[in-house]
């Protein structure tokens, strides 16, 4: 599983958010894109560094590699659409 959270500094620093992120990391969930440059001008983690197009591209690469793995391991072929 992959998540790409986007929030402001105050939301990111909230103890509940930190607990949730720590739980996700402990469960080996991939967290993409946190950076510190925020649109509002504040500095602190929370904003997602990936623009929508970059996130879409990263997901496409991820799922294409997953499809290749499925083909190798399970002789799976994605239907031509």
Protein backbone atom coordinates (compact mmCIF):
# COMPACT_ATOMS: atom_id res chain seq x y z
CA UNK A 1 0.00 0.00 0.00
CA UNK A 2 1.14 3.52 -0.76
CA UNK A 3 -0.11 6.78 0.70
CA UNK A 4 0.74 10.32 -0.37
CA UNK A 5 -0.46 12.61 2.42
CA UNK A 6 -0.76 16.35 2.00
CA UNK A 7 -1.44 18.70 4.88
CA UNK A 8 -0.17 21.83 6.54
CA UNK A 9 2.53 21.97 9.20
CA UNK A 10 0.09 22.14 12.13
CA UNK A 11 -1.87 19.11 10.93
CA UNK A 12 1.33 17.15 10.33
CA UNK A 13 2.69 17.96 13.80
CA UNK A 14 -0.52 16.90 15.53
CA UNK A 15 0.20 13.96 17.89
CA UNK A 16 -2.66 11.93 16.41
CA UNK A 17 -1.24 12.35 12.90
CA UNK A 18 2.22 11.34 14.12
CA UNK A 19 0.81 8.23 15.84
CA UNK A 20 -1.05 7.28 12.67
CA UNK A 21 2.03 7.78 10.48
CA UNK A 22 4.15 5.73 12.89
CA UNK A 23 1.57 2.94 12.78
CA UNK A 24 1.57 3.03 8.98
CA UNK A 25 5.38 2.89 8.87
CA UNK A 26 5.41 0.00 11.36
CA UNK A 27 2.96 -1.81 9.07
CA UNK A 28 5.40 -1.20 6.18
CA UNK A 29 3.09 1.18 4.32
CA UNK A 30 5.01 3.31 1.85
CA UNK A 31 4.67 7.07 2.44
CA UNK A 32 5.48 9.23 -0.56
CA UNK A 33 6.38 12.85 -0.93
CA UNK A 34 6.56 14.72 2.37
CA UNK A 35 8.53 17.95 2.15
CA UNK A 36 8.82 21.20 4.03
CA UNK A 37 8.04 23.94 1.49
CA UNK A 38 4.37 24.79 1.90
CA UNK A 39 2.15 26.79 -0.41
CA UNK A 40 1.16 29.13 2.43
CA UNK A 41 4.82 30.11 2.89
CA UNK A 42 5.33 28.27 6.18
CA UNK A 43 8.22 25.88 6.57
CA UNK A 44 7.64 22.46 8.08
CA UNK A 45 6.79 18.94 6.99
CA UNK A 46 3.35 18.19 5.65
CA UNK A 47 3.13 19.28 2.05
CA UNK A 48 3.39 16.56 -0.53
CA UNK A 49 6.43 17.18 -2.72
CA UNK A 50 4.85 15.43 -5.68
CA UNK A 51 2.72 17.50 -7.99
CA UNK A 52 -0.39 15.67 -9.26
CA UNK A 53 1.29 14.78 -12.57
CA UNK A 54 4.37 13.45 -10.76
CA UNK A 55 2.21 11.38 -8.42
CA UNK A 56 0.30 9.93 -11.37
CA UNK A 57 3.57 9.09 -13.13
CA UNK A 58 5.04 7.46 -10.00
CA UNK A 59 1.90 5.36 -9.57
CA UNK A 60 2.00 4.26 -13.20
CA UNK A 61 5.63 3.15 -12.83
CA UNK A 62 4.79 1.33 -9.60
CA UNK A 63 1.83 -0.53 -11.06
CA UNK A 64 3.65 -1.38 -14.29
CA UNK A 65 6.47 -2.91 -12.25
CA UNK A 66 3.89 -4.78 -10.17
CA UNK A 67 2.27 -6.09 -13.35
CA UNK A 68 5.68 -7.33 -14.54
CA UNK A 69 6.20 -9.11 -11.22
CA UNK A 70 2.76 -10.70 -11.46
CA UNK A 71 3.56 -11.92 -14.98
CA UNK A 72 6.80 -13.52 -13.76
CA UNK A 73 5.40 -15.08 -10.59
CA UNK A 74 1.90 -16.09 -11.60
CA UNK A 75 1.99 -16.21 -15.38
CA UNK A 76 -0.54 -13.36 -15.24
CA UNK A 77 -1.27 -11.32 -18.34
CA UNK A 78 -3.14 -8.04 -18.14
CA UNK A 79 -5.99 -7.97 -20.66
CA UNK A 80 -5.55 -5.64 -23.62
CA UNK A 81 -8.06 -2.85 -23.31
